Amino acid sequence: MLNKSSHIFLITTLLSSSLILVACGGGSSDGSSEPVAKTWGTAELIKTDSAASATFPQVAFDANGNALAVWKEFEGANFNIHSNRYVAGTGWGTPELIETDNAGDARPPQVTVDANGNALAVWEQSDGTRNNIWSNGYIANSVWGTAGKIETDDVGEARFPQVAFDANGNALAVWKQDDGTRNNIWSNRYVEGIGWSAAALIETEVGTANTPQVTFDTNGNAFAVWTQFDGSRDSIWSNRFIANSGWGTAELLETDDAGTAADPQVAIDINGNALAVWSQSDGTRTNIYSNRYVAGTGWGTAELIETDDAGNALVPQVAIDANGNALAVWYQSDGTRLNINSNRYLAGTGWGTAELIETDNAGPAADPQVAFDSAGNALAVWEQFDGTRNNIWSNRYVTGAGWGTAELIETDNAGNASTPQVAVDTNGNALAVWSQFNGSLSNVWSNRFE
């Protein structure tokens, strides 16, 4: 997944998938790291159809340590959406098809799980003429429902959906949609016990908009962020959803006109403060920037959070812990290869100094993801080339100690491993999922950290 075009389906922090990954978590009650050391286990195959190629997995936990993974899978005629469930204390189950519309391809899904174990998956699906946004719901400890469209605007393509739950089982989906002239950002709200409502436009700018992300705070307020073209370059925009009220007015988060901005991500702490991160060109290279939203005040001023000018810094991800501390991760060229870098935001202080979190120079590293437990520890995963193939690596951040030593978490050398994702449960255990080529087709694999 080293090519840039595929990132439109991958940027997805997991924090925009499930609120419980930030707001809940394991560890000791005083916020220190766990007394029992946790380690990665042995990678296992969680997709069992040997005749179908599966890619772009996503994963999310409920509050009881159960998880759902979703991915797209080619079945000879079309790409369809499949899922597998992880049951705490038991393991992975049997994969199942969660949509049956064969008019056209279904493209990479996103999944969010609420604290009770209910889930929503969203994806884009072709009807033979255009792509539409679809969803299916999973009832806790039960079954998936029937997939259906959540938007009915047939003027143009709808693509790149993202979805997130609030603490009460309500959800928001966002996506980009072509109106025949430009792409706009749309949203639909899912109300627990009722279902999806009508899709609504959440920005009215004249330039094309892309790559939306969405995330909730614990009070049911949300932020969406996206890129939007101003006639010369792409800038970063945001809109806030207020619980029991609705979407506000979109606003610009940065005013640097030296170059285009891309790949926005956003995360919210339990007090309603938010951090957005993105990549932005200064006319010479691409750097990583951030802006902070303070509850009751609003957005601040965008700031640079890395100063390494050896090469481009790309595709950041961000996660926030229960105390308002954050970690951003991204990949960055040192002039020879791509490496994984990170910076920490300390609540009440600000961003620190960016640092390298892996030192394997055999080949480039890319596509990092990061997630916190509630004790303030975090896990990052990424893909890295060893000179022959791409492998999946991880590093752990421990509160009060910092990043550890990067380690390989899969040893299948049949082919490239790519597009890793990571989720952390309420006890600080984690699941990583990724796609891996076996010489003939791609499968979905997982490893558990416990």
Protein backbone atom coordinates (compact mmCIF):
# COMPACT_ATOMS: atom_id res chain seq x y z
CA MET A 1 0.00 0.00 0.00
CA LEU A 2 2.85 2.35 -0.77
CA ASN A 3 1.09 4.09 -3.60
CA LYS A 4 -0.50 7.39 -2.63
CA SER A 5 -3.80 6.83 -4.44
CA SER A 6 -4.86 4.04 -2.11
CA HIS A 7 -4.74 6.28 0.96
CA ILE A 8 -8.23 7.61 0.26
CA PHE A 9 -9.53 4.31 1.59
CA LEU A 10 -7.14 3.90 4.46
CA ILE A 11 -6.98 7.07 6.38
CA THR A 12 -9.02 6.21 8.90
CA THR A 13 -7.92 6.32 12.30
CA LEU A 14 -9.47 4.09 14.05
CA LEU A 15 -10.49 6.79 16.51
CA SER A 16 -12.99 7.94 13.92
CA SER A 17 -14.40 4.43 14.08
CA SER A 18 -15.12 3.88 17.78
CA LEU A 19 -15.33 6.27 20.67
CA ILE A 20 -14.64 3.56 23.24
CA LEU A 21 -11.08 3.18 22.08
CA VAL A 22 -10.28 6.58 23.55
CA ALA A 23 -12.79 7.03 26.32
CA CYS A 24 -12.46 3.59 27.88
CA GLY A 25 -9.51 1.37 28.57
CA GLY A 26 -7.63 -0.94 30.83
CA GLY A 27 -4.63 -0.61 33.04
CA SER A 28 -4.39 0.32 36.69
CA SER A 29 -6.79 2.79 38.27
CA ASP A 30 -4.07 5.37 38.88
CA GLY A 31 -3.30 5.65 35.16
CA SER A 32 0.02 3.80 35.34
CA SER A 33 1.00 1.01 32.96
CA GLU A 34 -0.21 -2.55 33.55
CA PRO A 35 1.65 -4.68 36.12
CA VAL A 36 1.54 -7.69 33.76
CA ALA A 37 3.51 -7.24 30.56
CA LYS A 38 1.45 -7.67 27.43
CA THR A 39 2.91 -9.08 24.22
CA TRP A 40 1.89 -9.81 20.65
CA GLY A 41 0.83 -13.39 19.95
CA THR A 42 0.96 -15.38 16.73
CA ALA A 43 -0.67 -14.02 13.59
CA GLU A 44 -3.70 -15.96 12.35
CA LEU A 45 -5.81 -16.07 9.22
CA ILE A 46 -9.35 -14.73 9.78
CA LYS A 47 -10.63 -14.99 6.21
CA THR A 48 -11.02 -18.61 5.07
CA ASP A 49 -12.20 -18.53 1.45
CA SER A 50 -9.17 -19.79 -0.46
CA ALA A 51 -10.63 -18.73 -3.81
CA ALA A 52 -11.29 -15.06 -3.02
CA SER A 53 -8.90 -12.15 -2.56
CA ALA A 54 -9.57 -9.89 0.46
CA THR A 55 -8.16 -6.42 1.14
CA PHE A 56 -8.56 -3.22 3.19
CA PRO A 57 -9.63 -4.64 6.58
CA GLN A 58 -10.91 -2.50 9.46
CA VAL A 59 -11.48 -3.49 13.10
CA ALA A 60 -13.25 -2.07 16.18
CA PHE A 61 -13.98 -3.25 19.76
CA ASP A 62 -16.99 -3.09 22.05
CA ALA A 63 -16.70 -2.42 25.80
CA ASN A 64 -16.60 -6.16 26.62
CA GLY A 65 -13.56 -6.99 24.51
CA ASN A 66 -15.45 -8.39 21.53
CA ALA A 67 -14.51 -7.07 18.09
CA LEU A 68 -15.70 -6.93 14.51
CA ALA A 69 -13.51 -6.87 11.43
CA VAL A 70 -14.78 -5.95 7.97
CA TRP A 71 -13.12 -6.02 4.56
CA LYS A 72 -13.83 -6.14 0.84
CA GLU A 73 -13.50 -9.48 -0.95
CA PHE A 74 -13.48 -10.36 -4.65
CA GLU A 75 -15.76 -13.30 -5.45
CA GLY A 76 -15.23 -13.76 -9.16
CA ALA A 77 -17.64 -11.12 -10.48
CA ASN A 78 -17.72 -8.32 -7.89
CA PHE A 79 -16.12 -7.06 -4.72
CA ASN A 80 -18.41 -7.67 -1.73
CA ILE A 81 -18.23 -6.75 1.97
CA HIS A 82 -17.45 -9.46 4.52
CA SER A 83 -17.12 -9.52 8.30
CA ASN A 84 -15.74 -11.71 11.08
CA ARG A 85 -16.39 -11.42 14.82
CA TYR A 86 -13.88 -11.84 17.63
CA VAL A 87 -15.43 -13.07 20.89
CA ALA A 88 -13.46 -12.33 24.06
CA GLY A 89 -12.11 -15.54 25.55
CA THR A 90 -12.95 -17.55 22.44
CA GLY A 91 -11.39 -15.97 19.38
CA TRP A 92 -12.36 -15.32 15.78
CA GLY A 93 -15.44 -16.90 14.26
CA THR A 94 -16.43 -17.64 10.66
CA PRO A 95 -16.44 -14.86 8.04
CA GLU A 96 -19.79 -13.88 6.55
CA LEU A 97 -21.12 -11.81 3.68
CA ILE A 98 -22.92 -8.68 4.93
CA GLU A 99 -24.27 -7.33 1.63
CA THR A 100 -25.78 -9.10 -1.38
CA ASP A 101 -26.20 -6.37 -4.00
CA ASN A 102 -24.32 -7.63 -7.05
CA ALA A 103 -25.10 -4.76 -9.40
CA GLY A 104 -21.53 -3.55 -8.97
CA ASP A 105 -18.46 -3.52 -6.77
CA ALA A 106 -18.58 -2.69 -3.06
CA ARG A 107 -15.49 -0.78 -2.01
CA PRO A 108 -13.50 -0.61 1.25
CA PRO A 109 -15.76 -0.54 4.32
CA GLN A 110 -15.47 1.26 7.63
CA VAL A 111 -16.82 -0.10 10.92
CA THR A 112 -17.74 1.37 14.30
CA VAL A 113 -18.90 -0.50 17.42
CA ASP A 114 -20.74 1.02 20.38
CA ALA A 115 -20.17 0.15 24.04
CA ASN A 116 -22.99 -2.43 23.99
CA GLY A 117 -21.59 -4.32 21.03
CA ASN A 118 -23.89 -3.00 18.32
CA ALA A 119 -22.07 -2.07 15.12
CA LEU A 120 -22.48 -0.17 11.89
CA ALA A 121 -20.51 -0.75 8.71
CA VAL A 122 -20.54 1.69 5.80
CA TRP A 123 -19.10 1.40 2.31
CA GLU A 124 -19.48 2.69 -1.23
CA GLN A 125 -21.18 0.45 -3.77
CA SER A 126 -21.76 0.73 -7.50
CA ASP A 127 -25.27 0.26 -8.89
CA GLY A 128 -23.81 -0.15 -12.36
CA THR A 129 -24.01 3.59 -13.06
CA ARG A 130 -22.64 5.35 -9.97
CA ASN A 131 -21.33 4.66 -6.48
CA ASN A 132 -23.75 5.06 -3.56
CA ILE A 133 -23.24 4.91 0.21
CA TRP A 134 -24.53 1.77 1.92
CA SER A 135 -24.70 0.57 5.51
CA ASN A 136 -25.53 -2.53 7.52
CA GLY A 137 -26.03 -2.89 11.26
CA TYR A 138 -24.93 -5.65 13.63
CA ILE A 139 -27.06 -6.34 16.72
CA ALA A 140 -24.95 -7.15 19.78
CA ASN A 141 -24.34 -10.89 20.22
CA SER A 142 -26.69 -11.58 17.34
CA VAL A 143 -26.54 -11.08 13.58
CA TRP A 144 -26.01 -8.57 10.82
CA GLY A 145 -29.16 -7.03 9.38
CA THR A 146 -29.95 -6.18 5.77
CA ALA A 147 -27.75 -3.72 3.90
CA GLY A 148 -29.32 -0.59 2.48
CA LYS A 149 -28.50 2.78 0.94
CA ILE A 150 -28.20 5.77 3.29
CA GLU A 151 -28.25 8.42 0.54
CA THR A 152 -30.45 8.72 -2.53
CA ASP A 153 -28.84 11.54 -4.51
CA ASP A 154 -28.25 10.09 -7.97
CA VAL A 155 -26.72 13.18 -9.58
CA GLY A 156 -23.18 11.88 -9.12
CA GLU A 157 -20.82 9.52 -7.35
CA ALA A 158 -20.85 9.17 -3.56
CA ARG A 159 -17.55 7.91 -2.13
CA PHE A 160 -15.20 7.62 0.83
CA PRO A 161 -17.66 7.08 3.73
CA GLN A 162 -16.58 7.26 7.37
CA VAL A 163 -18.68 6.44 10.44
CA ALA A 164 -18.52 6.88 14.23
CA PHE A 165 -20.75 6.14 17.26
CA ASP A 166 -21.44 8.39 20.22
CA ALA A 167 -21.71 7.05 23.79
CA ASN A 168 -25.50 6.53 23.47
CA GLY A 169 -25.51 4.35 20.37
CA ASN A 170 -26.24 7.14 17.89
CA ALA A 171 -23.92 7.53 14.91
CA LEU A 172 -22.86 9.87 12.14
CA ALA A 173 -21.67 8.92 8.67
CA VAL A 174 -19.91 11.38 6.37
CA TRP A 175 -18.84 11.05 2.74
CA LYS A 176 -18.06 13.06 -0.38
CA GLN A 177 -20.61 13.31 -3.18
CA ASP A 178 -20.48 14.75 -6.69
CA ASP A 179 -23.25 17.21 -7.57
CA GLY A 180 -22.29 17.26 -11.25
CA THR A 181 -19.91 20.19 -10.76
CA ARG A 182 -17.91 19.45 -7.61
CA ASN A 183 -17.60 17.06 -4.69
CA ASN A 184 -19.42 18.14 -1.52
CA ILE A 185 -19.38 16.71 2.02
CA TRP A 186 -22.59 15.05 3.16
CA SER A 187 -23.69 13.42 6.41
CA ASN A 188 -26.43 11.15 7.70
CA ARG A 189 -27.35 10.51 11.34
CA TYR A 190 -28.25 7.14 12.81
CA VAL A 191 -30.48 7.35 15.90
CA GLU A 192 -30.45 4.35 18.22
CA GLY A 193 -33.77 2.51 18.06
CA ILE A 194 -34.90 4.42 14.96
CA GLY A 195 -32.29 4.10 12.24
CA TRP A 196 -30.85 6.35 9.54
CA SER A 197 -32.43 9.71 8.73
CA ALA A 198 -32.09 11.85 5.59
CA ALA A 199 -28.69 12.77 4.20
CA ALA A 200 -27.69 16.44 4.53
CA LEU A 201 -25.04 18.71 3.05
CA ILE A 202 -22.65 20.02 5.75
CA GLU A 203 -20.59 22.51 3.71
CA THR A 204 -21.46 25.04 1.02
CA GLU A 205 -18.11 26.14 -0.43
CA VAL A 206 -17.71 26.39 -4.21
CA GLY A 207 -14.60 24.20 -4.49
CA THR A 208 -14.47 20.42 -4.54
CA ALA A 209 -14.23 18.69 -1.14
CA ASN A 210 -12.60 15.35 -0.33
CA THR A 211 -11.46 12.83 2.32
CA PRO A 212 -13.85 13.56 5.20
CA GLN A 213 -13.30 12.13 8.69
CA VAL A 214 -15.64 12.14 11.69
CA THR A 215 -15.34 11.51 15.45
CA PHE A 216 -17.44 12.01 18.61
CA ASP A 217 -16.85 13.21 22.15
CA THR A 218 -18.51 11.57 25.17
CA ASN A 219 -21.39 14.09 25.16
CA GLY A 220 -22.54 13.30 21.64
CA ASN A 221 -20.90 16.27 19.93
CA ALA A 222 -18.83 15.53 16.83
CA PHE A 223 -16.34 17.00 14.41
CA ALA A 224 -15.94 16.37 10.72
CA VAL A 225 -12.81 17.48 8.87
CA TRP A 226 -12.01 17.39 5.16
CA THR A 227 -10.00 19.02 2.38
CA GLN A 228 -11.53 21.63 0.08
CA PHE A 229 -10.21 23.33 -3.05
CA ASP A 230 -10.25 27.16 -2.98
CA GLY A 231 -9.42 27.63 -6.65
CA SER A 232 -5.66 27.46 -6.10
CA ARG A 233 -5.02 24.79 -3.48
CA ASP A 234 -6.67 22.38 -1.05
CA SER A 235 -7.23 23.67 2.49
CA ILE A 236 -8.44 21.98 5.70
CA TRP A 237 -12.02 22.60 6.82
CA SER A 238 -14.16 21.47 9.73
CA ASN A 239 -17.75 21.47 10.91
CA ARG A 240 -19.05 20.70 14.41
CA PHE A 241 -22.14 18.63 15.18
CA ILE A 242 -23.83 19.65 18.44
CA ALA A 243 -25.87 16.96 20.20
CA ASN A 244 -29.64 17.54 19.97
CA SER A 245 -29.03 20.46 17.62
CA GLY A 246 -27.19 19.45 14.47
CA TRP A 247 -24.38 20.63 12.24
CA GLY A 248 -23.05 24.17 12.47
CA THR A 249 -21.24 26.23 9.84
CA ALA A 250 -18.08 24.92 8.19
CA GLU A 251 -14.87 26.81 8.97
CA LEU A 252 -11.29 26.95 7.71
CA LEU A 253 -8.68 25.46 10.06
CA GLU A 254 -5.53 26.78 8.40
CA THR A 255 -4.58 29.83 6.34
CA ASP A 256 -1.16 28.81 4.97
CA ASP A 257 -1.31 29.42 1.24
CA ALA A 258 2.22 28.24 0.42
CA GLY A 259 0.93 24.86 -0.74
CA THR A 260 -1.85 22.33 -0.72
CA ALA A 261 -3.06 20.54 2.43
CA ALA A 262 -4.17 16.90 2.55
CA ASP A 263 -4.98 13.86 4.69
CA PRO A 264 -6.79 15.46 7.66
CA GLN A 265 -7.53 13.45 10.79
CA VAL A 266 -9.30 14.49 14.00
CA ALA A 267 -9.67 13.11 17.54
CA ILE A 268 -11.60 14.39 20.59
CA ASP A 269 -10.87 13.97 24.30
CA ILE A 270 -13.52 13.31 26.97
CA ASN A 271 -13.83 17.03 27.72
CA GLY A 272 -14.74 17.93 24.15
CA ASN A 273 -11.36 19.34 23.14
CA ALA A 274 -10.12 18.19 19.73
CA LEU A 275 -6.92 17.92 17.74
CA ALA A 276 -6.78 17.93 13.96
CA VAL A 277 -3.65 16.94 12.05
CA TRP A 278 -2.84 17.03 8.34
CA SER A 279 -0.02 17.21 5.82
CA GLN A 280 0.73 20.47 3.98
CA SER A 281 3.23 21.60 1.39
CA ASP A 282 5.40 24.66 2.09
CA GLY A 283 6.25 24.91 -1.60
CA THR A 284 9.35 22.73 -1.20
CA ARG A 285 8.27 19.75 0.90
CA THR A 286 5.27 18.40 2.76
CA ASN A 287 5.11 18.89 6.55
CA ILE A 288 2.76 17.85 9.37
CA TYR A 289 0.53 20.48 10.97
CA SER A 290 -2.01 20.52 13.78
CA ASN A 291 -4.75 22.73 15.17
CA ARG A 292 -6.52 22.40 18.54
CA TYR A 293 -10.17 23.01 19.35
CA VAL A 294 -10.83 24.09 22.93
CA ALA A 295 -14.35 23.35 24.17
CA GLY A 296 -16.24 26.59 24.68
CA THR A 297 -13.64 28.63 22.79
CA GLY A 298 -13.09 27.18 19.33
CA TRP A 299 -10.21 26.40 17.01
CA GLY A 300 -6.80 27.96 17.60
CA THR A 301 -3.97 28.64 15.16
CA ALA A 302 -2.43 25.91 13.02
CA GLU A 303 1.13 24.94 13.98
CA LEU A 304 3.94 22.86 12.54
CA ILE A 305 4.61 19.74 14.66
CA GLU A 306 7.72 18.45 12.91
CA THR A 307 10.78 20.30 11.57
CA ASP A 308 12.71 17.60 9.69
CA ASP A 309 13.34 19.05 6.25
CA ALA A 310 15.16 16.06 4.78
CA GLY A 311 12.02 14.96 2.96
CA ASN A 312 8.24 14.88 2.76
CA ALA A 313 6.11 13.98 5.81
CA LEU A 314 2.85 12.29 4.84
CA VAL A 315 -0.51 10.85 5.95
CA PRO A 316 -0.64 11.56 9.70
CA GLN A 317 -2.88 9.77 12.19
CA VAL A 318 -3.81 11.04 15.66
CA ALA A 319 -5.17 9.52 18.88
CA ILE A 320 -6.12 11.12 22.22
CA ASP A 321 -6.13 9.44 25.64
CA ALA A 322 -8.63 9.96 28.48
CA ASN A 323 -6.50 12.75 29.98
CA GLY A 324 -6.27 14.80 26.79
CA ASN A 325 -2.74 13.74 25.83
CA ALA A 326 -2.27 12.78 22.20
CA LEU A 327 0.05 11.00 19.81
CA ALA A 328 0.42 11.76 16.13
CA VAL A 329 2.21 9.33 13.81
CA TRP A 330 3.17 9.69 10.15
CA TYR A 331 5.72 8.50 7.64
CA GLN A 332 8.56 10.73 6.49
CA SER A 333 11.42 10.56 4.03
CA ASP A 334 14.96 11.00 5.34
CA GLY A 335 16.19 11.54 1.78
CA THR A 336 16.83 7.83 1.29
CA ARG A 337 13.82 5.95 2.66
CA LEU A 338 10.50 6.43 4.43
CA ASN A 339 10.46 6.11 8.23
CA ILE A 340 7.77 6.21 10.92
CA ASN A 341 7.79 9.31 13.12
CA SER A 342 5.70 10.45 16.08
CA ASN A 343 5.07 13.50 18.25
CA ARG A 344 3.27 13.70 21.59
CA TYR A 345 0.83 16.38 22.66
CA LEU A 346 0.90 16.87 26.44
CA ALA A 347 -2.35 18.26 27.86
CA GLY A 348 -1.80 21.74 29.22
CA THR A 349 1.61 22.06 27.57
CA GLY A 350 1.44 21.36 23.85
CA TRP A 351 3.33 19.41 21.23
CA GLY A 352 6.79 18.06 21.99
CA THR A 353 9.60 17.13 19.61
CA ALA A 354 9.03 14.69 16.76
CA GLU A 355 10.95 11.41 17.03
CA LEU A 356 11.66 8.31 14.98
CA ILE A 357 9.89 5.20 16.34
CA GLU A 358 11.54 2.58 14.13
CA THR A 359 15.16 2.16 13.02
CA ASP A 360 14.99 -0.63 10.44
CA ASN A 361 16.73 0.74 7.36
CA ALA A 362 16.26 -2.27 5.11
CA GLY A 363 13.42 -0.53 3.32
CA PRO A 364 10.67 2.10 3.47
CA ALA A 365 7.96 2.13 6.15
CA ALA A 366 4.48 3.54 5.58
CA ASP A 367 0.84 3.77 6.62
CA PRO A 368 1.09 3.95 10.43
CA GLN A 369 -1.98 3.70 12.66
CA VAL A 370 -2.17 4.44 16.39
CA ALA A 371 -4.60 3.76 19.27
CA PHE A 372 -4.59 4.42 23.04
CA ASP A 373 -5.74 2.48 26.06
CA SER A 374 -7.25 4.47 28.95
CA ALA A 375 -4.05 4.21 30.99
CA GLY A 376 -2.35 6.41 28.41
CA ASN A 377 -0.36 3.65 26.74
CA ALA A 378 -0.58 3.31 22.96
CA LEU A 379 0.19 0.96 20.10
CA ALA A 380 1.29 1.93 16.62
CA VAL A 381 1.33 -0.45 13.65
CA TRP A 382 2.66 0.03 10.12
CA GLU A 383 3.95 -1.79 7.06
CA GLN A 384 7.68 -1.96 6.28
CA PHE A 385 9.73 -3.34 3.39
CA ASP A 386 12.55 -5.74 4.31
CA GLY A 387 14.21 -5.69 0.89
CA THR A 388 12.01 -8.49 -0.43
CA ARG A 389 8.47 -7.93 0.89
CA ASN A 390 6.36 -5.70 3.12
CA ASN A 391 5.83 -6.87 6.72
CA ILE A 392 3.70 -5.59 9.61
CA TRP A 393 5.50 -3.96 12.53
CA SER A 394 4.44 -2.45 15.84
CA ASN A 395 5.81 -0.27 18.63
CA ARG A 396 4.32 0.46 22.05
CA TYR A 397 4.20 3.78 23.85
CA VAL A 398 4.18 3.45 27.66
CA THR A 399 3.10 6.38 29.83
CA GLY A 400 6.10 7.84 31.63
CA ALA A 401 8.59 5.85 29.56
CA GLY A 402 7.90 6.63 25.92
CA TRP A 403 8.23 4.51 22.81
CA GLY A 404 9.83 1.09 23.06
CA THR A 405 11.55 -0.96 20.38
CA ALA A 406 9.75 -1.75 17.13
CA GLU A 407 8.94 -5.42 16.55
CA LEU A 408 7.72 -7.60 13.72
CA ILE A 409 4.23 -9.00 14.42
CA GLU A 410 3.86 -11.40 11.49
CA THR A 411 6.31 -13.83 9.89
CA ASP A 412 4.52 -15.03 6.75
CA ASN A 413 7.03 -14.50 3.96
CA ALA A 414 4.88 -15.70 1.08
CA GLY A 415 4.06 -12.15 0.02
CA ASN A 416 3.49 -8.52 0.92
CA ALA A 417 1.53 -7.52 4.02
CA SER A 418 -0.22 -4.14 3.86
CA THR A 419 -2.91 -1.75 5.16
CA PRO A 420 -2.66 -2.55 8.90
CA GLN A 421 -5.24 -1.29 11.39
CA VAL A 422 -5.23 -1.51 15.20
CA ALA A 423 -7.90 -1.34 17.91
CA VAL A 424 -7.55 -1.44 21.71
CA ASP A 425 -10.19 -2.85 24.09
CA THR A 426 -11.23 -1.70 27.57
CA ASN A 427 -8.57 -3.88 29.23
CA GLY A 428 -5.68 -2.63 27.13
CA ASN A 429 -5.62 -5.67 24.87
CA ALA A 430 -5.42 -5.02 21.14
CA LEU A 431 -6.12 -6.54 17.76
CA ALA A 432 -4.23 -5.69 14.60
CA VAL A 433 -5.59 -6.69 11.20
CA TRP A 434 -4.02 -6.45 7.75
CA SER A 435 -4.10 -7.81 4.22
CA GLN A 436 -1.42 -10.28 3.14
CA PHE A 437 -0.61 -11.80 -0.24
CA ASN A 438 0.07 -15.56 -0.28
CA GLY A 439 1.48 -15.77 -3.79
CA SER A 440 -1.94 -16.20 -5.41
CA LEU A 441 -4.36 -13.91 -3.60
CA SER A 442 -4.67 -11.63 -0.58
CA ASN A 443 -6.07 -12.79 2.76
CA VAL A 444 -6.98 -11.01 5.99
CA TRP A 445 -4.79 -11.75 9.01
CA SER A 446 -4.90 -10.71 12.64
CA ASN A 447 -2.66 -10.69 15.71
CA ARG A 448 -3.65 -10.09 19.33
CA PHE A 449 -1.73 -8.04 21.89
CA GLU A 450 -2.44 -9.21 25.47
